[in-house]
Amino acid sequence: MTIDERLDRLTERHEALTQSVELLVRTTGANSSQIARNAGLIAKNATHIAALVRLAQSHENRISGLEDQR
């Protein structure tokens, strides 16, 4: 293999690596944005779940009270 062939091969590998890194950067940015959106949704859902838990506890207490009155 001549030096020119080796340089061409090295250049091709460098270009492929550059493209891979660029793709990785774009993908990471998109993933970061999605993670931030998901974190917001998780926080919102946690608030709703806490409200549902309070409601379920309230109903449980009411049912227990009615059963105790029998």
C-alpha atoms as a PDB file:
ATOM      1  CA  MET A   1       0.000   0.000   0.000  1.00  0.00           C
ATOM      2  CA  THR A   2       1.462   3.324  -1.029  1.00  0.00           C
ATOM      3  CA  ILE A   3       1.567   6.438   1.101  1.00  0.00           C
ATOM      4  CA  ASP A   4      -1.081   8.064  -1.112  1.00  0.00           C
ATOM      5  CA  GLU A   5      -3.406   5.087  -0.618  1.00  0.00           C
ATOM      6  CA  ARG A   6      -2.827   5.201   3.104  1.00  0.00           C
ATOM      7  CA  LEU A   7      -3.532   8.950   3.183  1.00  0.00           C
ATOM      8  CA  ASP A   8      -6.722   8.452   1.148  1.00  0.00           C
ATOM      9  CA  ARG A   9      -7.858   5.724   3.505  1.00  0.00           C
ATOM     10  CA  LEU A  10      -7.034   7.863   6.516  1.00  0.00           C
ATOM     11  CA  THR A  11      -8.958  10.787   5.000  1.00  0.00           C
ATOM     12  CA  GLU A  12     -11.989   8.569   4.394  1.00  0.00           C
ATOM     13  CA  ARG A  13     -11.889   7.319   7.966  1.00  0.00           C
ATOM     14  CA  HIS A  14     -11.557  10.871   9.251  1.00  0.00           C
ATOM     15  CA  GLU A  15     -14.568  11.994   7.203  1.00  0.00           C
ATOM     16  CA  ALA A  16     -16.619   9.043   8.435  1.00  0.00           C
ATOM     17  CA  LEU A  17     -15.675   9.818  12.023  1.00  0.00           C
ATOM     18  CA  THR A  18     -16.569  13.491  11.545  1.00  0.00           C
ATOM     19  CA  GLN A  19     -19.991  12.529  10.192  1.00  0.00           C
ATOM     20  CA  SER A  20     -20.549  10.160  13.094  1.00  0.00           C
ATOM     21  CA  VAL A  21     -19.678  12.838  15.638  1.00  0.00           C
ATOM     22  CA  GLU A  22     -21.968  15.370  13.926  1.00  0.00           C
ATOM     23  CA  LEU A  23     -24.819  12.871  13.994  1.00  0.00           C
ATOM     24  CA  LEU A  24     -24.134  12.098  17.642  1.00  0.00           C
ATOM     25  CA  VAL A  25     -24.194  15.811  18.524  1.00  0.00           C
ATOM     26  CA  ARG A  26     -27.556  16.308  16.763  1.00  0.00           C
ATOM     27  CA  THR A  27     -29.045  13.213  18.355  1.00  0.00           C
ATOM     28  CA  THR A  28     -27.814  14.193  21.804  1.00  0.00           C
ATOM     29  CA  GLY A  29     -29.349  17.649  21.414  1.00  0.00           C
ATOM     30  CA  ALA A  30     -32.690  16.176  20.391  1.00  0.00           C
ATOM     31  CA  ASN A  31     -32.569  13.699  23.270  1.00  0.00           C
ATOM     32  CA  SER A  32     -31.782  16.473  25.747  1.00  0.00           C
ATOM     33  CA  SER A  33     -34.791  18.463  24.573  1.00  0.00           C
ATOM     34  CA  GLN A  34     -37.039  15.418  24.864  1.00  0.00           C
ATOM     35  CA  ILE A  35     -35.711  14.640  28.348  1.00  0.00           C
ATOM     36  CA  ALA A  36     -36.494  18.190  29.471  1.00  0.00           C
ATOM     37  CA  ARG A  37     -40.055  17.912  28.098  1.00  0.00           C
ATOM     38  CA  ASN A  38     -40.508  14.528  29.762  1.00  0.00           C
ATOM     39  CA  ALA A  39     -39.294  15.884  33.101  1.00  0.00           C
ATOM     40  CA  GLY A  40     -41.990  18.553  32.930  1.00  0.00           C
ATOM     41  CA  LEU A  41     -44.653  15.976  32.109  1.00  0.00           C
ATOM     42  CA  ILE A  42     -43.486  13.730  34.941  1.00  0.00           C
ATOM     43  CA  ALA A  43     -43.743  16.602  37.423  1.00  0.00           C
ATOM     44  CA  LYS A  44     -47.244  17.444  36.169  1.00  0.00           C
ATOM     45  CA  ASN A  45     -48.308  13.783  36.386  1.00  0.00           C
ATOM     46  CA  ALA A  46     -46.886  13.506  39.902  1.00  0.00           C
ATOM     47  CA  THR A  47     -49.090  16.425  40.957  1.00  0.00           C
ATOM     48  CA  HIS A  48     -52.159  14.754  39.439  1.00  0.00           C
ATOM     49  CA  ILE A  49     -51.297  11.421  41.050  1.00  0.00           C
ATOM     50  CA  ALA A  50     -50.919  13.091  44.454  1.00  0.00           C
ATOM     51  CA  ALA A  51     -54.375  14.651  44.026  1.00  0.00           C
ATOM     52  CA  LEU A  52     -55.830  11.261  43.086  1.00  0.00           C
ATOM     53  CA  VAL A  53     -54.204   9.658  46.138  1.00  0.00           C
ATOM     54  CA  ARG A  54     -55.767  12.303  48.394  1.00  0.00           C
ATOM     55  CA  LEU A  55     -59.137  11.711  46.759  1.00  0.00           C
ATOM     56  CA  ALA A  56     -58.826   7.930  47.172  1.00  0.00           C
ATOM     57  CA  GLN A  57     -57.849   8.354  50.830  1.00  0.00           C
ATOM     58  CA  SER A  58     -60.815  10.644  51.383  1.00  0.00           C
ATOM     59  CA  HIS A  59     -63.170   8.073  49.862  1.00  0.00           C
ATOM     60  CA  GLU A  60     -61.569   5.307  51.892  1.00  0.00           C
ATOM     61  CA  ASN A  61     -62.061   7.315  55.084  1.00  0.00           C
ATOM     62  CA  ARG A  62     -65.685   8.013  54.141  1.00  0.00           C
ATOM     63  CA  ILE A  63     -66.356   4.324  53.434  1.00  0.00           C
ATOM     64  CA  SER A  64     -64.685   3.313  56.699  1.00  0.00           C
ATOM     65  CA  GLY A  65     -66.819   5.863  58.555  1.00  0.00           C
ATOM     66  CA  LEU A  66     -70.005   4.552  56.978  1.00  0.00           C
ATOM     67  CA  GLU A  67     -69.046   0.975  57.800  1.00  0.00           C
ATOM     68  CA  ASP A  68     -68.315   1.934  61.425  1.00  0.00           C
ATOM     69  CA  GLN A  69     -71.821   3.470  61.727  1.00  0.00           C
ATOM     70  CA  ARG A  70     -73.517   0.160  60.926  1.00  0.00           C
END
